[in-house]
PDB file of N, CA and C in Angstrom:
ATOM      1  N   UNK A   1     151.434 123.295  -1.499  1.00  0.00           N
ATOM      2  CA  UNK A   1     151.991 124.625  -1.273  1.00  0.00           C
ATOM      3  C   UNK A   1     152.026 124.889   0.228  1.00  0.00           C
ATOM      4  N   UNK A   2     153.138 125.369   0.755  1.00  0.00           N
ATOM      5  CA  UNK A   2     153.213 125.672   2.181  1.00  0.00           C
ATOM      6  C   UNK A   2     152.245 126.775   2.564  1.00  0.00           C
ATOM      7  N   UNK A   3     151.805 126.743   3.806  1.00  0.00           N
ATOM      8  CA  UNK A   3     150.826 127.734   4.271  1.00  0.00           C
ATOM      9  C   UNK A   3     151.360 129.151   4.131  1.00  0.00           C
ATOM     10  N   UNK A   4     152.639 129.374   4.407  1.00  0.00           N
ATOM     11  CA  UNK A   4     153.208 130.722   4.307  1.00  0.00           C
ATOM     12  C   UNK A   4     153.127 131.239   2.874  1.00  0.00           C
ATOM     13  N   UNK A   5     153.357 130.368   1.901  1.00  0.00           N
ATOM     14  CA  UNK A   5     153.290 130.786   0.501  1.00  0.00           C
ATOM     15  C   UNK A   5     151.862 131.139   0.113  1.00  0.00           C
ATOM     16  N   UNK A   6     150.899 130.397   0.626  1.00  0.00           N
ATOM     17  CA  UNK A   6     149.497 130.674   0.313  1.00  0.00           C
ATOM     18  C   UNK A   6     149.092 132.048   0.830  1.00  0.00           C
ATOM     19  N   UNK A   7     149.642 132.461   1.957  1.00  0.00           N
ATOM     20  CA  UNK A   7     149.279 133.746   2.544  1.00  0.00           C
ATOM     21  C   UNK A   7     149.819 134.919   1.741  1.00  0.00           C
ATOM     22  N   UNK A   8     150.838 134.709   0.916  1.00  0.00           N
ATOM     23  CA  UNK A   8     151.406 135.805   0.140  1.00  0.00           C
ATOM     24  C   UNK A   8     150.768 135.925  -1.237  1.00  0.00           C
ATOM     25  N   UNK A   9     149.895 135.008  -1.582  1.00  0.00           N
ATOM     26  CA  UNK A   9     149.211 135.056  -2.871  1.00  0.00           C
ATOM     27  C   UNK A   9     148.316 136.292  -2.928  1.00  0.00           C
ATOM     28  N   UNK A  10     148.305 137.005  -4.053  1.00  0.00           N
ATOM     29  CA  UNK A  10     147.400 138.156  -4.141  1.00  0.00           C
ATOM     30  C   UNK A  10     145.942 137.694  -4.113  1.00  0.00           C
ATOM     31  N   UNK A  11     145.115 138.526  -3.532  1.00  0.00           N
ATOM     32  CA  UNK A  11     143.691 138.214  -3.460  1.00  0.00           C
ATOM     33  C   UNK A  11     143.098 138.307  -4.871  1.00  0.00           C
ATOM     34  N   UNK A  12     142.219 137.386  -5.214  1.00  0.00           N
ATOM     35  CA  UNK A  12     141.596 137.433  -6.537  1.00  0.00           C
ATOM     36  C   UNK A  12     140.718 138.670  -6.650  1.00  0.00           C
ATOM     37  N   UNK A  13     140.493 139.113  -7.884  1.00  0.00           N
ATOM     38  CA  UNK A  13     139.615 140.269  -8.103  1.00  0.00           C
ATOM     39  C   UNK A  13     138.231 140.017  -7.519  1.00  0.00           C
ATOM     40  N   UNK A  14     137.712 138.809  -7.704  1.00  0.00           N
ATOM     41  CA  UNK A  14     136.377 138.506  -7.182  1.00  0.00           C
ATOM     42  C   UNK A  14     136.356 138.616  -5.662  1.00  0.00           C
ATOM     43  N   UNK A  15     137.352 138.044  -5.002  1.00  0.00           N
ATOM     44  CA  UNK A  15     137.414 138.107  -3.533  1.00  0.00           C
ATOM     45  C   UNK A  15     137.569 139.559  -3.061  1.00  0.00           C
ATOM     46  N   UNK A  16     138.378 140.327  -3.786  1.00  0.00           N
ATOM     47  CA  UNK A  16     138.537 141.744  -3.432  1.00  0.00           C
ATOM     48  C   UNK A  16     137.219 142.480  -3.525  1.00  0.00           C
ATOM     49  N   UNK A  17     136.466 142.226  -4.584  1.00  0.00           N
ATOM     50  CA  UNK A  17     135.181 142.907  -4.777  1.00  0.00           C
ATOM     51  C   UNK A  17     134.135 142.451  -3.769  1.00  0.00           C
ATOM     52  N   UNK A  18     134.162 141.184  -3.381  1.00  0.00           N
ATOM     53  CA  UNK A  18     133.265 140.707  -2.319  1.00  0.00           C
ATOM     54  C   UNK A  18     133.537 141.496  -1.041  1.00  0.00           C
ATOM     55  N   UNK A  19     134.821 141.631  -0.682  1.00  0.00           N
ATOM     56  CA  UNK A  19     135.190 142.362   0.535  1.00  0.00           C
ATOM     57  C   UNK A  19     134.826 143.840   0.419  1.00  0.00           C
ATOM     58  N   UNK A  20     135.074 144.442  -0.728  1.00  0.00           N
ATOM     59  CA  UNK A  20     134.745 145.854  -0.920  1.00  0.00           C
ATOM     60  C   UNK A  20     133.244 146.094  -0.874  1.00  0.00           C
ATOM     61  N   UNK A  21     132.465 145.178  -1.421  1.00  0.00           N
ATOM     62  CA  UNK A  21     131.014 145.301  -1.366  1.00  0.00           C
ATOM     63  C   UNK A  21     130.534 145.260   0.088  1.00  0.00           C
ATOM     64  N   UNK A  22     131.112 144.363   0.875  1.00  0.00           N
ATOM     65  CA  UNK A  22     130.779 144.291   2.302  1.00  0.00           C
ATOM     66  C   UNK A  22     131.159 145.590   2.998  1.00  0.00           C
ATOM     67  N   UNK A  23     132.358 146.105   2.699  1.00  0.00           N
ATOM     68  CA  UNK A  23     132.786 147.380   3.286  1.00  0.00           C
ATOM     69  C   UNK A  23     131.827 148.505   2.913  1.00  0.00           C
ATOM     70  N   UNK A  24     131.381 148.524   1.662  1.00  0.00           N
ATOM     71  CA  UNK A  24     130.474 149.575   1.178  1.00  0.00           C
ATOM     72  C   UNK A  24     129.169 149.548   1.981  1.00  0.00           C
ATOM     73  N   UNK A  25     128.569 148.373   2.101  1.00  0.00           N
ATOM     74  CA  UNK A  25     127.308 148.224   2.832  1.00  0.00           C
ATOM     75  C   UNK A  25     127.505 148.596   4.304  1.00  0.00           C
ATOM     76  N   UNK A  26     128.590 148.115   4.913  1.00  0.00           N
ATOM     77  CA  UNK A  26     128.865 148.453   6.316  1.00  0.00           C
ATOM     78  C   UNK A  26     129.094 149.947   6.488  1.00  0.00           C
ATOM     79  N   UNK A  27     129.727 150.579   5.506  1.00  0.00           N
ATOM     80  CA  UNK A  27     129.973 152.020   5.581  1.00  0.00           C
ATOM     81  C   UNK A  27     128.672 152.809   5.513  1.00  0.00           C
ATOM     82  N   UNK A  28     127.718 152.326   4.727  1.00  0.00           N
ATOM     83  CA  UNK A  28     126.395 152.969   4.692  1.00  0.00           C
ATOM     84  C   UNK A  28     125.746 152.834   6.067  1.00  0.00           C
ATOM     85  N   UNK A  29     125.711 151.615   6.599  1.00  0.00           N
ATOM     86  CA  UNK A  29     125.033 151.350   7.868  1.00  0.00           C
ATOM     87  C   UNK A  29     125.634 152.146   9.019  1.00  0.00           C
ATOM     88  N   UNK A  30     126.958 152.337   9.002  1.00  0.00           N
ATOM     89  CA  UNK A  30     127.637 152.961  10.139  1.00  0.00           C
ATOM     90  C   UNK A  30     128.142 154.369   9.848  1.00  0.00           C
ATOM     91  N   UNK A  31     127.677 154.967   8.750  1.00  0.00           N
ATOM     92  CA  UNK A  31     128.083 156.339   8.384  1.00  0.00           C
ATOM     93  C   UNK A  31     129.607 156.482   8.376  1.00  0.00           C
ATOM     94  N   UNK A  32     130.286 155.503   7.798  1.00  0.00           N
ATOM     95  CA  UNK A  32     131.744 155.450   7.823  1.00  0.00           C
ATOM     96  C   UNK A  32     132.344 156.233   6.652  1.00  0.00           C
ATOM     97  N   UNK A  33     132.415 157.532   6.833  1.00  0.00           N
ATOM     98  CA  UNK A  33     132.942 158.422   5.794  1.00  0.00           C
ATOM     99  C   UNK A  33     134.417 158.114   5.524  1.00  0.00           C
ATOM    100  N   UNK A  34     135.158 157.755   6.559  1.00  0.00           N
ATOM    101  CA  UNK A  34     136.581 157.447   6.391  1.00  0.00           C
ATOM    102  C   UNK A  34     136.779 156.290   5.411  1.00  0.00           C
ATOM    103  N   UNK A  35     136.039 155.206   5.592  1.00  0.00           N
ATOM    104  CA  UNK A  35     136.196 154.050   4.693  1.00  0.00           C
ATOM    105  C   UNK A  35     135.738 154.413   3.283  1.00  0.00           C
ATOM    106  N   UNK A  36     134.633 155.137   3.177  1.00  0.00           N
ATOM    107  CA  UNK A  36     134.200 155.566   1.847  1.00  0.00           C
ATOM    108  C   UNK A  36     135.279 156.402   1.179  1.00  0.00           C
ATOM    109  N   UNK A  37     135.951 157.241   1.940  1.00  0.00           N
ATOM    110  CA  UNK A  37     137.024 158.056   1.391  1.00  0.00           C
ATOM    111  C   UNK A  37     138.141 157.227   0.777  1.00  0.00           C
ATOM    112  N   UNK A  38     138.310 156.010   1.291  1.00  0.00           N
ATOM    113  CA  UNK A  38     139.346 155.106   0.796  1.00  0.00           C
ATOM    114  C   UNK A  38     138.914 154.327  -0.442  1.00  0.00           C
ATOM    115  N   UNK A  39     137.625 154.067  -0.599  1.00  0.00           N
ATOM    116  CA  UNK A  39     137.186 153.174  -1.684  1.00  0.00           C
ATOM    117  C   UNK A  39     136.436 153.868  -2.814  1.00  0.00           C
ATOM    118  N   UNK A  40     136.156 155.164  -2.677  1.00  0.00           N
ATOM    119  CA  UNK A  40     135.479 155.889  -3.745  1.00  0.00           C
ATOM    120  C   UNK A  40     136.501 156.587  -4.634  1.00  0.00           C
ATOM    121  N   UNK A  41     136.316 156.466  -5.937  1.00  0.00           N
ATOM    122  CA  UNK A  41     137.183 157.161  -6.887  1.00  0.00           C
ATOM    123  C   UNK A  41     136.939 158.667  -6.790  1.00  0.00           C
ATOM    124  N   UNK A  42     137.926 159.479  -7.155  1.00  0.00           N
ATOM    125  CA  UNK A  42     137.734 160.934  -7.135  1.00  0.00           C
ATOM    126  C   UNK A  42     136.558 161.396  -8.000  1.00  0.00           C
ATOM    127  N   UNK A  43     136.262 160.652  -9.066  1.00  0.00           N
ATOM    128  CA  UNK A  43     135.176 161.025  -9.980  1.00  0.00           C
ATOM    129  C   UNK A  43     133.883 160.237  -9.715  1.00  0.00           C
ATOM    130  N   UNK A  44     133.727 159.709  -8.515  1.00  0.00           N
ATOM    131  CA  UNK A  44     132.538 158.940  -8.127  1.00  0.00           C
ATOM    132  C   UNK A  44     131.265 159.795  -8.204  1.00  0.00           C
ATOM    133  N   UNK A  45     130.175 159.168  -8.664  1.00  0.00           N
ATOM    134  CA  UNK A  45     128.837 159.770  -8.663  1.00  0.00           C
ATOM    135  C   UNK A  45     127.832 158.724  -8.194  1.00  0.00           C
ATOM    136  N   UNK A  46     126.759 159.191  -7.548  1.00  0.00           N
ATOM    137  CA  UNK A  46     125.715 158.292  -7.065  1.00  0.00           C
ATOM    138  C   UNK A  46     124.342 158.828  -7.439  1.00  0.00           C
ATOM    139  N   UNK A  47     123.517 157.950  -8.006  1.00  0.00           N
ATOM    140  CA  UNK A  47     122.104 158.251  -8.232  1.00  0.00           C
ATOM    141  C   UNK A  47     121.352 157.792  -6.990  1.00  0.00           C
ATOM    142  N   UNK A  48     120.782 158.745  -6.264  1.00  0.00           N
ATOM    143  CA  UNK A  48     120.064 158.452  -5.025  1.00  0.00           C
ATOM    144  C   UNK A  48     118.642 157.975  -5.297  1.00  0.00           C
ATOM    145  N   UNK A  49     118.023 157.336  -4.306  1.00  0.00           N
ATOM    146  CA  UNK A  49     116.638 156.867  -4.476  1.00  0.00           C
ATOM    147  C   UNK A  49     115.650 157.982  -4.795  1.00  0.00           C
ATOM    148  N   UNK A  50     115.960 159.227  -4.393  1.00  0.00           N
ATOM    149  CA  UNK A  50     115.041 160.336  -4.680  1.00  0.00           C
ATOM    150  C   UNK A  50     115.229 160.901  -6.090  1.00  0.00           C
ATOM    151  N   UNK A  51     116.149 160.317  -6.855  1.00  0.00           N
ATOM    152  CA  UNK A  51     116.372 160.749  -8.225  1.00  0.00           C
ATOM    153  C   UNK A  51     117.502 161.747  -8.383  1.00  0.00           C
ATOM    154  N   UNK A  52     118.075 162.207  -7.272  1.00  0.00           N
ATOM    155  CA  UNK A  52     119.179 163.162  -7.372  1.00  0.00           C
ATOM    156  C   UNK A  52     120.471 162.440  -7.743  1.00  0.00           C
ATOM    157  N   UNK A  53     121.350 163.175  -8.406  1.00  0.00           N
ATOM    158  CA  UNK A  53     122.674 162.677  -8.748  1.00  0.00           C
ATOM    159  C   UNK A  53     123.683 163.512  -7.959  1.00  0.00           C
ATOM    160  N   UNK A  54     124.495 162.851  -7.149  1.00  0.00           N
ATOM    161  CA  UNK A  54     125.474 163.567  -6.335  1.00  0.00           C
ATOM    162  C   UNK A  54     126.880 163.096  -6.669  1.00  0.00           C
ATOM    163  N   UNK A  55     127.819 164.048  -6.596  1.00  0.00           N
ATOM    164  CA  UNK A  55     129.220 163.699  -6.807  1.00  0.00           C
ATOM    165  C   UNK A  55     129.818 163.284  -5.464  1.00  0.00           C
ATOM    166  N   UNK A  56     131.075 162.928  -5.482  1.00  0.00           N
ATOM    167  CA  UNK A  56     131.746 162.330  -4.331  1.00  0.00           C
ATOM    168  C   UNK A  56     131.603 163.155  -3.049  1.00  0.00           C
ATOM    169  N   UNK A  57     131.909 164.440  -3.096  1.00  0.00           N
ATOM    170  CA  UNK A  57     131.867 165.272  -1.881  1.00  0.00           C
ATOM    171  C   UNK A  57     130.469 165.313  -1.278  1.00  0.00           C
ATOM    172  N   UNK A  58     129.449 165.458  -2.120  1.00  0.00           N
ATOM    173  CA  UNK A  58     128.069 165.483  -1.622  1.00  0.00           C
ATOM    174  C   UNK A  58     127.663 164.115  -1.071  1.00  0.00           C
ATOM    175  N   UNK A  59     128.133 163.047  -1.704  1.00  0.00           N
ATOM    176  CA  UNK A  59     127.853 161.700  -1.209  1.00  0.00           C
ATOM    177  C   UNK A  59     128.469 161.506   0.175  1.00  0.00           C
ATOM    178  N   UNK A  60     129.717 161.931   0.345  1.00  0.00           N
ATOM    179  CA  UNK A  60     130.370 161.802   1.654  1.00  0.00           C
ATOM    180  C   UNK A  60     129.644 162.631   2.708  1.00  0.00           C
ATOM    181  N   UNK A  61     129.173 163.803   2.322  1.00  0.00           N
ATOM    182  CA  UNK A  61     128.429 164.652   3.266  1.00  0.00           C
ATOM    183  C   UNK A  61     127.123 163.973   3.694  1.00  0.00           C
ATOM    184  N   UNK A  62     126.391 163.385   2.722  1.00  0.00           N
ATOM    185  CA  UNK A  62     125.134 162.722   3.094  1.00  0.00           C
ATOM    186  C   UNK A  62     125.420 161.443   3.876  1.00  0.00           C
ATOM    187  N   UNK A  63     126.529 160.793   3.609  1.00  0.00           N
ATOM    188  CA  UNK A  63     126.905 159.580   4.346  1.00  0.00           C
ATOM    189  C   UNK A  63     127.227 159.880   5.799  1.00  0.00           C
ATOM    190  N   UNK A  64     127.736 161.066   6.066  1.00  0.00           N
ATOM    191  CA  UNK A  64     128.104 161.446   7.435  1.00  0.00           C
ATOM    192  C   UNK A  64     126.883 161.574   8.345  1.00  0.00           C
ATOM    193  N   UNK A  65     125.705 161.749   7.761  1.00  0.00           N
ATOM    194  CA  UNK A  65     124.485 161.861   8.558  1.00  0.00           C
ATOM    195  C   UNK A  65     124.136 160.501   9.152  1.00  0.00           C
ATOM    196  N   UNK A  66     123.749 160.446  10.424  1.00  0.00           N
ATOM    197  CA  UNK A  66     123.379 159.154  11.016  1.00  0.00           C
ATOM    198  C   UNK A  66     122.202 158.521  10.256  1.00  0.00           C
ATOM    199  N   UNK A  67     122.295 157.224  10.046  1.00  0.00           N
ATOM    200  CA  UNK A  67     121.221 156.525   9.351  1.00  0.00           C
ATOM    201  C   UNK A  67     120.153 156.100  10.350  1.00  0.00           C
ATOM    202  N   UNK A  68     118.934 156.010   9.872  1.00  0.00           N
ATOM    203  CA  UNK A  68     117.826 155.632  10.741  1.00  0.00           C
ATOM    204  C   UNK A  68     117.416 154.181  10.545  1.00  0.00           C
ATOM    205  N   UNK A  69     117.970 153.534   9.512  1.00  0.00           N
ATOM    206  CA  UNK A  69     117.660 152.119   9.292  1.00  0.00           C
ATOM    207  C   UNK A  69     118.636 151.265  10.084  1.00  0.00           C
ATOM    208  N   UNK A  70     118.262 150.000  10.266  1.00  0.00           N
ATOM    209  CA  UNK A  70     119.188 149.079  10.925  1.00  0.00           C
ATOM    210  C   UNK A  70     119.152 147.724  10.226  1.00  0.00           C
ATOM    211  N   UNK A  71     120.147 146.928  10.535  1.00  0.00           N
ATOM    212  CA  UNK A  71     120.271 145.575   9.967  1.00  0.00           C
ATOM    213  C   UNK A  71     120.340 145.583   8.443  1.00  0.00           C
ATOM    214  N   UNK A  72     121.058 146.547   7.879  1.00  0.00           N
ATOM    215  CA  UNK A  72     121.221 146.604   6.423  1.00  0.00           C
ATOM    216  C   UNK A  72     122.027 145.408   5.948  1.00  0.00           C
ATOM    217  N   UNK A  73     121.481 144.708   4.965  1.00  0.00           N
ATOM    218  CA  UNK A  73     122.136 143.524   4.408  1.00  0.00           C
ATOM    219  C   UNK A  73     122.056 143.563   2.890  1.00  0.00           C
ATOM    220  N   UNK A  74     123.113 143.076   2.252  1.00  0.00           N
ATOM    221  CA  UNK A  74     123.114 142.874   0.806  1.00  0.00           C
ATOM    222  C   UNK A  74     122.794 141.404   0.549  1.00  0.00           C
ATOM    223  N   UNK A  75     121.890 141.170  -0.381  1.00  0.00           N
ATOM    224  CA  UNK A  75     121.462 139.806  -0.696  1.00  0.00           C
ATOM    225  C   UNK A  75     121.482 139.607  -2.201  1.00  0.00           C
ATOM    226  N   UNK A  76     121.567 138.354  -2.608  1.00  0.00           N
ATOM    227  CA  UNK A  76     121.572 138.019  -4.038  1.00  0.00           C
ATOM    228  C   UNK A  76     122.603 138.859  -4.795  1.00  0.00           C
ATOM    229  N   UNK A  77     123.807 138.919  -4.245  1.00  0.00           N
ATOM    230  CA  UNK A  77     124.878 139.728  -4.832  1.00  0.00           C
ATOM    231  C   UNK A  77     125.410 139.042  -6.094  1.00  0.00           C
ATOM    232  N   UNK A  78     125.455 139.809  -7.176  1.00  0.00           N
ATOM    233  CA  UNK A  78     125.991 139.338  -8.449  1.00  0.00           C
ATOM    234  C   UNK A  78     127.151 140.244  -8.827  1.00  0.00           C
ATOM    235  N   UNK A  79     128.345 139.654  -8.914  1.00  0.00           N
ATOM    236  CA  UNK A  79     129.545 140.412  -9.279  1.00  0.00           C
ATOM    237  C   UNK A  79     129.955 139.986 -10.679  1.00  0.00           C
ATOM    238  N   UNK A  80     130.017 140.974 -11.574  1.00  0.00           N
ATOM    239  CA  UNK A  80     130.407 140.725 -12.966  1.00  0.00           C
ATOM    240  C   UNK A  80     131.702 141.493 -13.235  1.00  0.00           C
ATOM    241  N   UNK A  81     132.766 140.754 -13.552  1.00  0.00           N
ATOM    242  CA  UNK A  81     134.073 141.359 -13.796  1.00  0.00           C
ATOM    243  C   UNK A  81     134.365 141.302 -15.288  1.00  0.00           C
ATOM    244  N   UNK A  82     134.735 142.457 -15.830  1.00  0.00           N
ATOM    245  CA  UNK A  82     135.079 142.574 -17.247  1.00  0.00           C
ATOM    246  C   UNK A  82     136.426 143.286 -17.351  1.00  0.00           C
ATOM    247  N   UNK A  83     137.488 142.531 -17.116  1.00  0.00           N
ATOM    248  CA  UNK A  83     138.823 143.126 -17.133  1.00  0.00           C
ATOM    249  C   UNK A  83     139.016 144.029 -15.924  1.00  0.00           C
ATOM    250  N   UNK A  84     139.317 145.305 -16.183  1.00  0.00           N
ATOM    251  CA  UNK A  84     139.530 146.276 -15.106  1.00  0.00           C
ATOM    252  C   UNK A  84     138.260 147.048 -14.766  1.00  0.00           C
ATOM    253  N   UNK A  85     137.130 146.430 -15.022  1.00  0.00           N
ATOM    254  CA  UNK A  85     135.827 147.047 -14.822  1.00  0.00           C
ATOM    255  C   UNK A  85     134.922 145.993 -14.199  1.00  0.00           C
ATOM    256  N   UNK A  86     134.116 146.356 -13.211  1.00  0.00           N
ATOM    257  CA  UNK A  86     133.217 145.390 -12.576  1.00  0.00           C
ATOM    258  C   UNK A  86     131.905 146.071 -12.213  1.00  0.00           C
ATOM    259  N   UNK A  87     130.842 145.291 -12.270  1.00  0.00           N
ATOM    260  CA  UNK A  87     129.510 145.764 -11.878  1.00  0.00           C
ATOM    261  C   UNK A  87     128.989 144.827 -10.798  1.00  0.00           C
ATOM    262  N   UNK A  88     128.510 145.426  -9.718  1.00  0.00           N
ATOM    263  CA  UNK A  88     127.902 144.631  -8.644  1.00  0.00           C
ATOM    264  C   UNK A  88     126.428 144.998  -8.561  1.00  0.00           C
ATOM    265  N   UNK A  89     125.579 143.994  -8.717  1.00  0.00           N
ATOM    266  CA  UNK A  89     124.129 144.145  -8.559  1.00  0.00           C
ATOM    267  C   UNK A  89     123.744 143.419  -7.276  1.00  0.00           C
ATOM    268  N   UNK A  90     122.837 143.991  -6.504  1.00  0.00           N
ATOM    269  CA  UNK A  90     122.378 143.297  -5.299  1.00  0.00           C
ATOM    270  C   UNK A  90     121.038 143.849  -4.840  1.00  0.00           C
ATOM    271  N   UNK A  91     120.411 143.072  -3.990  1.00  0.00           N
ATOM    272  CA  UNK A  91     119.167 143.462  -3.336  1.00  0.00           C
ATOM    273  C   UNK A  91     119.533 143.820  -1.905  1.00  0.00           C
ATOM    274  N   UNK A  92     118.826 144.772  -1.320  1.00  0.00           N
ATOM    275  CA  UNK A  92     119.061 145.118   0.080  1.00  0.00           C
ATOM    276  C   UNK A  92     117.817 144.817   0.906  1.00  0.00           C
ATOM    277  N   UNK A  93     118.070 144.528   2.159  1.00  0.00           N
ATOM    278  CA  UNK A  93     116.992 144.434   3.140  1.00  0.00           C
ATOM    279  C   UNK A  93     117.464 145.174   4.374  1.00  0.00           C
ATOM    280  N   UNK A  94     116.507 145.757   5.094  1.00  0.00           N
ATOM    281  CA  UNK A  94     116.826 146.507   6.306  1.00  0.00           C
ATOM    282  C   UNK A  94     115.553 146.689   7.101  1.00  0.00           C
ATOM    283  N   UNK A  95     115.696 147.217   8.304  1.00  0.00           N
ATOM    284  CA  UNK A  95     114.552 147.519   9.158  1.00  0.00           C
ATOM    285  C   UNK A  95     114.428 149.037   9.235  1.00  0.00           C
ATOM    286  N   UNK A  96     113.233 149.540   8.931  1.00  0.00           N
ATOM    287  CA  UNK A  96     112.959 150.977   8.986  1.00  0.00           C
ATOM    288  C   UNK A  96     112.826 151.431  10.442  1.00  0.00           C
ATOM    289  N   UNK A  97     112.896 152.744  10.674  1.00  0.00           N
ATOM    290  CA  UNK A  97     112.782 153.245  12.057  1.00  0.00           C
ATOM    291  C   UNK A  97     111.511 152.796  12.769  1.00  0.00           C
ATOM    292  N   UNK A  98     110.420 152.592  12.021  1.00  0.00           N
ATOM    293  CA  UNK A  98     109.163 152.177  12.654  1.00  0.00           C
ATOM    294  C   UNK A  98     109.089 150.667  12.886  1.00  0.00           C
ATOM    295  N   UNK A  99     110.177 149.946  12.533  1.00  0.00           N
ATOM    296  CA  UNK A  99     110.224 148.507  12.761  1.00  0.00           C
ATOM    297  C   UNK A  99     109.754 147.665  11.592  1.00  0.00           C
ATOM    298  N   UNK A 100     109.232 148.301  10.544  1.00  0.00           N
ATOM    299  CA  UNK A 100     108.778 147.541   9.380  1.00  0.00           C
ATOM    300  C   UNK A 100     109.965 147.226   8.464  1.00  0.00           C
ATOM    301  N   UNK A 101     109.826 146.148   7.685  1.00  0.00           N
ATOM    302  CA  UNK A 101     110.921 145.797   6.782  1.00  0.00           C
ATOM    303  C   UNK A 101     110.981 146.752   5.585  1.00  0.00           C
ATOM    304  N   UNK A 102     112.198 146.970   5.107  1.00  0.00           N
ATOM    305  CA  UNK A 102     112.415 147.773   3.909  1.00  0.00           C
ATOM    306  C   UNK A 102     113.379 147.048   3.005  1.00  0.00           C
ATOM    307  N   UNK A 103     113.475 147.536   1.791  1.00  0.00           N
ATOM    308  CA  UNK A 103     114.392 146.905   0.857  1.00  0.00           C
ATOM    309  C   UNK A 103     114.574 147.746  -0.384  1.00  0.00           C
ATOM    310  N   UNK A 104     115.423 147.283  -1.234  1.00  0.00           N
ATOM    311  CA  UNK A 104     115.693 147.975  -2.480  1.00  0.00           C
ATOM    312  C   UNK A 104     116.707 147.208  -3.296  1.00  0.00           C
ATOM    313  N   UNK A 105     117.305 147.912  -4.251  1.00  0.00           N
ATOM    314  CA  UNK A 105     118.349 147.335  -5.092  1.00  0.00           C
ATOM    315  C   UNK A 105     119.436 148.373  -5.280  1.00  0.00           C
ATOM    316  N   UNK A 106     120.615 147.902  -5.610  1.00  0.00           N
ATOM    317  CA  UNK A 106     121.687 148.822  -5.987  1.00  0.00           C
ATOM    318  C   UNK A 106     122.546 148.201  -7.070  1.00  0.00           C
ATOM    319  N   UNK A 107     123.163 149.065  -7.820  1.00  0.00           N
ATOM    320  CA  UNK A 107     124.156 148.682  -8.814  1.00  0.00           C
ATOM    321  C   UNK A 107     125.359 149.590  -8.587  1.00  0.00           C
ATOM    322  N   UNK A 108     126.490 148.981  -8.295  1.00  0.00           N
ATOM    323  CA  UNK A 108     127.731 149.725  -8.111  1.00  0.00           C
ATOM    324  C   UNK A 108     128.686 149.363  -9.239  1.00  0.00           C
ATOM    325  N   UNK A 109     129.385 150.362  -9.733  1.00  0.00           N
ATOM    326  CA  UNK A 109     130.358 150.158 -10.798  1.00  0.00           C
ATOM    327  C   UNK A 109     131.744 150.427 -10.214  1.00  0.00           C
ATOM    328  N   UNK A 110     132.647 149.516 -10.470  1.00  0.00           N
ATOM    329  CA  UNK A 110     134.011 149.581  -9.937  1.00  0.00           C
ATOM    330  C   UNK A 110     135.009 149.576 -11.087  1.00  0.00           C
ATOM    331  N   UNK A 111     136.094 150.316 -10.934  1.00  0.00           N
ATOM    332  CA  UNK A 111     137.172 150.339 -11.919  1.00  0.00           C
ATOM    333  C   UNK A 111     138.484 150.036 -11.196  1.00  0.00           C
ATOM    334  N   UNK A 112     139.312 149.221 -11.842  1.00  0.00           N
ATOM    335  CA  UNK A 112     140.622 148.911 -11.269  1.00  0.00           C
ATOM    336  C   UNK A 112     141.607 149.950 -11.798  1.00  0.00           C
ATOM    337  N   UNK A 113     142.117 150.755 -10.870  1.00  0.00           N
ATOM    338  CA  UNK A 113     143.039 151.835 -11.219  1.00  0.00           C
ATOM    339  C   UNK A 113     144.322 151.661 -10.413  1.00  0.00           C
ATOM    340  N   UNK A 114     145.432 151.616 -11.106  1.00  0.00           N
ATOM    341  CA  UNK A 114     146.729 151.425 -10.447  1.00  0.00           C
ATOM    342  C   UNK A 114     146.704 150.224  -9.496  1.00  0.00           C
ATOM    343  N   UNK A 115     146.034 149.144  -9.925  1.00  0.00           N
ATOM    344  CA  UNK A 115     145.997 147.915  -9.146  1.00  0.00           C
ATOM    345  C   UNK A 115     144.990 147.870  -8.022  1.00  0.00           C
ATOM    346  N   UNK A 116     144.190 148.936  -7.854  1.00  0.00           N
ATOM    347  CA  UNK A 116     143.183 148.998  -6.779  1.00  0.00           C
ATOM    348  C   UNK A 116     141.793 149.146  -7.370  1.00  0.00           C
ATOM    349  N   UNK A 117     140.833 148.429  -6.803  1.00  0.00           N
ATOM    350  CA  UNK A 117     139.438 148.604  -7.192  1.00  0.00           C
ATOM    351  C   UNK A 117     138.868 149.817  -6.469  1.00  0.00           C
ATOM    352  N   UNK A 118     138.245 150.732  -7.225  1.00  0.00           N
ATOM    353  CA  UNK A 118     137.589 151.915  -6.663  1.00  0.00           C
ATOM    354  C   UNK A 118     136.176 152.009  -7.212  1.00  0.00           C
ATOM    355  N   UNK A 119     135.243 152.396  -6.356  1.00  0.00           N
ATOM    356  CA  UNK A 119     133.856 152.605  -6.802  1.00  0.00           C
ATOM    357  C   UNK A 119     133.806 153.897  -7.606  1.00  0.00           C
ATOM    358  N   UNK A 120     133.260 153.816  -8.822  1.00  0.00           N
ATOM    359  CA  UNK A 120     133.159 155.000  -9.671  1.00  0.00           C
ATOM    360  C   UNK A 120     131.717 155.470  -9.829  1.00  0.00           C
ATOM    361  N   UNK A 121     130.761 154.574  -9.542  1.00  0.00           N
ATOM    362  CA  UNK A 121     129.356 154.931  -9.718  1.00  0.00           C
ATOM    363  C   UNK A 121     128.477 154.028  -8.868  1.00  0.00           C
ATOM    364  N   UNK A 122     127.349 154.590  -8.432  1.00  0.00           N
ATOM    365  CA  UNK A 122     126.356 153.807  -7.697  1.00  0.00           C
ATOM    366  C   UNK A 122     124.971 154.273  -8.103  1.00  0.00           C
ATOM    367  N   UNK A 123     124.037 153.354  -8.107  1.00  0.00           N
ATOM    368  CA  UNK A 123     122.631 153.677  -8.369  1.00  0.00           C
ATOM    369  C   UNK A 123     121.823 152.907  -7.329  1.00  0.00           C
ATOM    370  N   UNK A 124     121.001 153.629  -6.556  1.00  0.00           N
ATOM    371  CA  UNK A 124     120.284 153.037  -5.437  1.00  0.00           C
ATOM    372  C   UNK A 124     118.781 153.248  -5.608  1.00  0.00           C
ATOM    373  N   UNK A 125     118.011 152.184  -5.390  1.00  0.00           N
ATOM    374  CA  UNK A 125     116.550 152.288  -5.361  1.00  0.00           C
ATOM    375  C   UNK A 125     116.041 151.728  -4.051  1.00  0.00           C
ATOM    376  N   UNK A 126     114.890 152.208  -3.639  1.00  0.00           N
ATOM    377  CA  UNK A 126     114.213 151.673  -2.453  1.00  0.00           C
ATOM    378  C   UNK A 126     112.802 151.306  -2.836  1.00  0.00           C
ATOM    379  N   UNK A 127     112.325 150.244  -2.232  1.00  0.00           N
ATOM    380  CA  UNK A 127     110.947 149.787  -2.500  1.00  0.00           C
ATOM    381  C   UNK A 127     110.003 150.311  -1.462  1.00  0.00           C
TER     382      UNK A 127
END
């Protein structure tokens, strides 16, 4: 297959979700409300580590606050695709403001709507 033809091939769902997961983590680390606005579904909800459940607008508001952690990374990422529905499980590691290591887990749920993957739900824990 010529190189030009390969470049026009649609990205696989798995590759799209890998990229979106990276964008999600980077958006958390850099308080990127604009990118979250592009990848969160209108009906998005998030279960926070403190046990609160927030809808999209409240999530974007809390995301706009500068984060105090650094070097946030997703590890052991597991992407499970079930048609137009996907679940991403992963472990996180980061450095706390005092320099000690931190970590947790998250589960994000994605739905393919009108040909685009959008995050519809997130659940975050911290250790």
